[in-house]
Protein backbone atom coordinates (compact mmCIF):
# COMPACT_ATOMS: atom_id res chain seq x y z
CA MET A 1 21.31 97.81 166.19
CA VAL A 2 21.83 101.28 164.80
CA PRO A 3 19.41 103.93 166.12
CA ARG A 4 18.64 107.08 164.20
CA GLY A 5 21.77 109.22 164.07
CA GLY A 6 24.08 106.21 164.06
CA ASP A 7 25.72 104.22 166.83
CA TRP A 8 28.14 101.38 167.44
CA ASP A 9 26.81 97.85 167.42
CA TRP A 10 26.97 96.62 170.98
CA VAL A 11 25.97 93.89 173.38
CA ASP A 12 24.61 94.67 176.84
CA HIS A 13 24.42 92.64 180.05
CA ILE A 14 20.86 91.77 181.08
CA THR A 15 21.95 91.68 184.73
CA PRO A 16 24.80 94.20 185.16
CA ILE A 17 28.19 92.89 186.27
CA ALA A 18 27.97 95.31 189.21
CA LYS A 19 24.85 93.47 190.38
CA GLY A 20 26.21 89.95 190.10
CA GLY A 21 25.65 89.30 186.39
CA ARG A 22 28.02 86.97 184.62
CA PRO A 23 29.97 87.79 181.41
CA GLU A 24 28.27 84.92 179.58
CA LEU A 25 26.12 84.64 176.46
CA ASP A 26 22.97 83.80 178.43
CA ASN A 27 23.33 87.16 180.18
CA GLY A 28 23.64 89.19 176.97
CA ARG A 29 21.36 90.95 174.51
CA CYS A 30 21.61 93.23 171.48
CA SER A 31 21.86 96.86 172.48
CA SER A 32 23.58 100.01 171.31
CA SER A 33 26.51 101.68 173.00
CA ASN A 34 24.45 104.81 173.67
CA ALA A 35 21.65 102.81 175.28
CA ASN A 36 24.14 100.73 177.23
CA PHE A 37 26.04 103.71 178.61
CA ALA A 38 22.82 105.59 179.36
CA LYS A 39 21.44 102.62 181.26
CA ARG A 40 24.62 102.00 183.27
CA ASP A 41 23.41 99.73 186.05
CA GLY A 42 19.83 101.00 185.88
CA PRO A 43 16.61 100.02 184.06
CA GLU A 44 16.49 98.18 180.75
CA PRO A 45 17.21 100.08 177.51
CA PRO A 46 14.64 100.08 174.68
CA VAL A 47 14.23 96.70 172.97
CA VAL A 48 14.84 97.63 169.36
CA LEU A 49 15.87 94.20 168.09
CA CYS A 50 14.81 90.86 169.50
CA ALA A 51 15.90 87.51 168.02
CA GLY A 52 16.91 89.31 164.83
CA ALA A 53 13.50 90.93 164.33
CA PRO A 54 12.17 94.40 165.20
CA GLY A 55 11.44 94.54 168.94
CA LYS A 56 8.66 96.21 170.89
CA ASP A 57 10.36 99.62 170.85
CA TRP A 58 11.47 99.56 167.18
CA HIS A 59 8.91 102.10 165.97
CA GLN A 60 9.96 104.60 168.62
CA LEU A 61 13.21 105.00 166.67
CA HIS A 62 12.38 103.82 163.17
CA GLU A 63 9.59 103.85 160.66
CA ALA A 64 9.39 101.28 157.86
CA VAL A 65 12.61 99.40 157.18
CA GLN A 66 14.35 100.81 154.12
CA ARG A 67 15.20 98.41 151.30
CA SER A 68 18.94 98.91 151.84
CA ALA A 69 18.51 98.07 155.52
CA GLU A 70 16.44 95.01 154.62
CA ILE A 71 19.21 93.74 152.33
CA ASN A 72 21.80 94.22 155.06
CA LEU A 73 19.62 92.50 157.66
CA LEU A 74 19.20 89.51 155.36
CA ARG A 75 22.93 89.38 154.78
CA LEU A 76 23.62 89.70 158.49
CA SER A 77 21.31 86.78 159.21
CA ASN A 78 24.45 84.73 158.47
CA LEU A 79 26.15 86.12 161.56
CA HIS A 80 27.34 83.73 164.24
CA VAL A 81 27.86 84.58 167.89
CA SER A 82 31.63 84.27 167.36
CA ASP A 83 31.52 87.23 164.98
CA TRP A 84 30.74 89.54 167.88
CA TYR A 85 34.11 88.73 169.44
CA PHE A 86 35.90 89.39 166.15
CA ASN A 87 34.02 92.68 165.75
CA ARG A 88 35.02 93.62 169.29
CA ALA A 89 38.65 92.83 168.48
CA LEU A 90 38.53 95.07 165.40
CA ALA A 91 36.98 97.89 167.43
CA ARG A 92 39.83 97.70 169.94
CA VAL A 93 42.37 97.76 167.13
CA LEU A 94 40.80 100.90 165.68
CA PHE A 95 40.69 102.53 169.13
CA GLY A 96 44.40 101.77 169.38
CA VAL A 97 45.10 103.32 165.98
CA ASP A 98 43.26 106.46 167.13
CA GLU A 99 45.52 106.60 170.18
CA LEU A 100 48.62 106.24 168.01
CA TYR A 101 47.40 109.11 165.85
CA ASN A 102 46.63 111.27 168.89
CA LEU A 103 50.17 110.76 170.18
CA GLU A 104 51.51 111.63 166.76
CA ILE A 105 49.74 115.00 166.76
CA GLY A 106 50.87 115.79 170.28
CA LYS A 107 47.84 114.94 172.40
CA ARG A 108 48.33 113.82 175.97
CA PRO A 109 48.61 110.01 176.34
CA LYS A 110 45.57 108.30 177.85
CA VAL A 111 45.60 105.57 180.47
CA ARG A 112 44.04 103.27 177.89
CA GLY A 113 46.61 103.77 175.16
CA ALA A 114 47.59 101.65 172.18
CA PRO A 115 49.26 98.89 174.31
CA TYR A 116 46.03 98.47 176.31
CA TYR A 117 43.95 98.14 173.14
CA SER A 118 46.47 95.76 171.59
CA ASN A 119 46.12 93.41 174.56
CA ALA A 120 42.33 93.80 174.65
CA ALA A 121 42.10 93.04 170.92
CA PHE A 122 44.22 89.92 171.27
CA ARG A 123 42.05 88.67 174.13
CA ALA A 124 38.96 89.20 171.99
CA LEU A 125 40.61 87.32 169.12
CA ALA A 126 41.33 84.42 171.46
CA ALA A 127 37.65 84.37 172.48
CA TRP A 128 36.65 84.54 168.80
CA ARG A 129 38.76 81.47 168.01
CA ARG A 130 37.18 79.48 170.84
CA HIS A 131 33.65 80.25 169.64
CA ALA A 132 34.39 80.00 165.90
CA VAL A 133 35.41 76.34 165.83
CA GLY A 134 33.58 74.69 162.94
CA VAL A 135 31.99 77.95 161.77
CA PRO A 136 32.30 78.78 158.04
CA THR A 137 34.57 81.71 157.21
CA LEU A 138 33.32 85.27 156.92
CA GLU A 139 33.92 85.02 153.18
CA ALA A 140 31.86 81.84 152.86
CA ARG A 141 28.96 83.53 154.65
CA GLY A 142 29.10 86.65 152.48
CA LEU A 143 30.01 88.94 155.38
CA VAL A 144 33.07 90.62 153.87
CA PRO A 145 33.59 92.46 150.58
CA THR A 146 34.60 90.30 147.63
CA ARG A 147 37.35 92.84 146.93
CA PRO A 148 38.41 94.26 150.30
CA THR A 149 40.32 97.53 150.38
CA ASP A 150 43.89 97.59 151.68
CA ASP A 151 42.85 98.63 155.18
CA GLN A 152 40.10 95.99 155.25
CA THR A 153 42.68 93.39 154.22
CA ILE A 154 44.85 94.35 157.19
CA LEU A 155 41.88 94.07 159.55
CA LEU A 156 40.80 90.70 158.14
CA GLY A 157 44.41 89.52 158.44
CA LEU A 158 44.12 89.84 162.21
CA ARG A 159 42.39 86.45 162.14
CA ASN A 160 45.91 85.04 161.81
CA ALA A 161 47.42 87.10 164.65
CA SER A 162 49.42 84.86 166.99
CA SER A 163 50.58 87.48 169.50
CA THR A 164 49.96 91.02 170.69
CA ASN A 165 52.97 91.99 168.57
CA ASP A 166 50.99 91.01 165.47
CA VAL A 167 48.11 93.23 166.63
CA THR A 168 50.46 96.13 167.34
CA ARG A 169 52.04 95.70 163.91
CA ALA A 170 48.60 95.84 162.29
CA MET A 171 47.86 99.06 164.18
CA GLY A 172 51.02 100.57 162.75
CA GLU A 173 50.02 99.47 159.23
CA LEU A 174 46.60 101.08 159.68
CA LEU A 175 47.97 104.37 161.00
CA PRO A 176 48.70 105.84 157.51
CA PHE A 177 45.04 105.31 156.57
CA THR A 178 43.89 107.22 159.65
CA ARG A 179 46.48 109.92 159.01
CA ALA A 180 45.33 110.38 155.41
CA SER A 181 41.65 110.38 156.35
CA MET A 182 42.12 112.96 159.10
CA ARG A 183 44.10 115.17 156.75
CA LEU A 184 41.34 114.92 154.14
CA PHE A 185 38.61 115.71 156.67
CA ALA A 186 40.60 118.73 157.84
CA GLN A 187 40.73 119.95 154.25
CA ILE A 188 37.01 119.38 153.78
CA TYR A 189 36.09 121.19 156.99
CA SER A 190 38.35 124.10 156.15
CA HIS A 191 36.29 124.61 153.00
CA ILE A 192 33.06 124.29 154.99
CA GLU A 193 34.20 126.87 157.55
CA ASP A 194 34.92 129.25 154.67
CA GLY A 195 31.49 128.58 153.20
CA GLU A 196 33.00 126.91 150.13
CA TRP A 197 30.70 123.90 149.99
CA SER A 198 31.31 123.12 146.33
CA ALA A 199 35.06 123.00 147.02
CA ALA A 200 34.39 120.62 149.92
CA VAL A 201 32.43 118.31 147.61
CA LYS A 202 35.28 118.31 145.08
CA GLU A 203 37.79 117.60 147.84
CA ALA A 204 35.71 114.65 149.04
CA LEU A 205 35.57 113.16 145.55
CA LYS A 206 39.37 113.24 145.22
CA LYS A 207 39.73 110.48 147.78
CA THR A 208 39.64 106.82 146.70
CA TRP A 209 36.97 105.63 149.10
CA PRO A 210 35.36 102.19 149.22
CA PRO A 211 32.57 101.81 146.60
CA GLY A 212 29.75 104.30 147.10
CA VAL A 213 31.29 106.17 150.03
CA ALA A 214 32.65 109.12 148.05
CA ALA A 215 29.28 109.62 146.36
CA LYS A 216 27.44 109.49 149.70
CA LEU A 217 29.84 111.97 151.30
CA ALA A 218 29.58 114.31 148.32
CA ARG A 219 25.78 114.03 148.38
CA TRP A 220 25.69 114.79 152.11
CA LEU A 221 27.87 117.86 151.59
CA ALA A 222 25.76 119.00 148.66
CA ASP A 223 22.52 118.57 150.65
CA HIS A 224 23.91 120.66 153.50
CA ALA A 225 25.12 123.26 151.05
CA ASP A 226 21.58 123.52 149.63
CA ALA A 227 20.14 123.79 153.14
CA ARG A 228 22.31 126.84 153.76
C-alpha cells in the first residue's frame, strides 16, 4: 500500500517476532514501512488494504481511487506471494548500491554495508525461488515493462543470480545509474536554491528517464515554481 506522501510497499507481522510471532505467511499482512516502524511491537497499524480491496481505514488516507491507481491495482492483481520475496531482494540490492555510492563520496561506512545487503538479497532470492515454483514469469503476468530500461534489465537479471558474487556484480553495474541520478539531482537542486525554477525544469528534461518520468518531474517543478 502507498499512503498519501508515498511509502515503500511492505509486509508486517500480525504477531510481532518479539512476542513469539513466526516469520511465516499466515502471520503476515499488507502494511507500509511507516506504519510498520511506527507500530513497532505495539497496536495494529491502520488497515488500508485487505485481501486486495480497500480496508476499513482506507478513507482516512485516501478519497476516491484515481483511474491511474485503478489500472495499477488491476495489473497488480496478477501478483503472487513469491513476488514479495523478489521485491524484497531488489530493495536490498538498491540499499547496497546506495551504500556503495556513500562510500564513493566519502561517507562513513555503516554496519549494514554493501556486503550485508548482498547476502540479504541473495537469501531473499533463494526464498523467491522456493515460492515461485510453477508460477508464470513476471513478463507473462504483465508485471514488468515490455521494454525495460538498462537498469531494470540488470535488476530483472538477478533472477538468474547463482551466488552473492552475482548480486555484488549487479550492484556494481547499477552504481553508475545512481551516480548519474545523484549528479543530476544536485544540478536540479542547485537551480532551485538559486530560485531558477525554469532552469531546473530544463535540467530535468535533459535526462533520459523511463517513459513519463521526465514529464512528471518537470511538471512537479513547474507547479512548485508557480506556487512560489
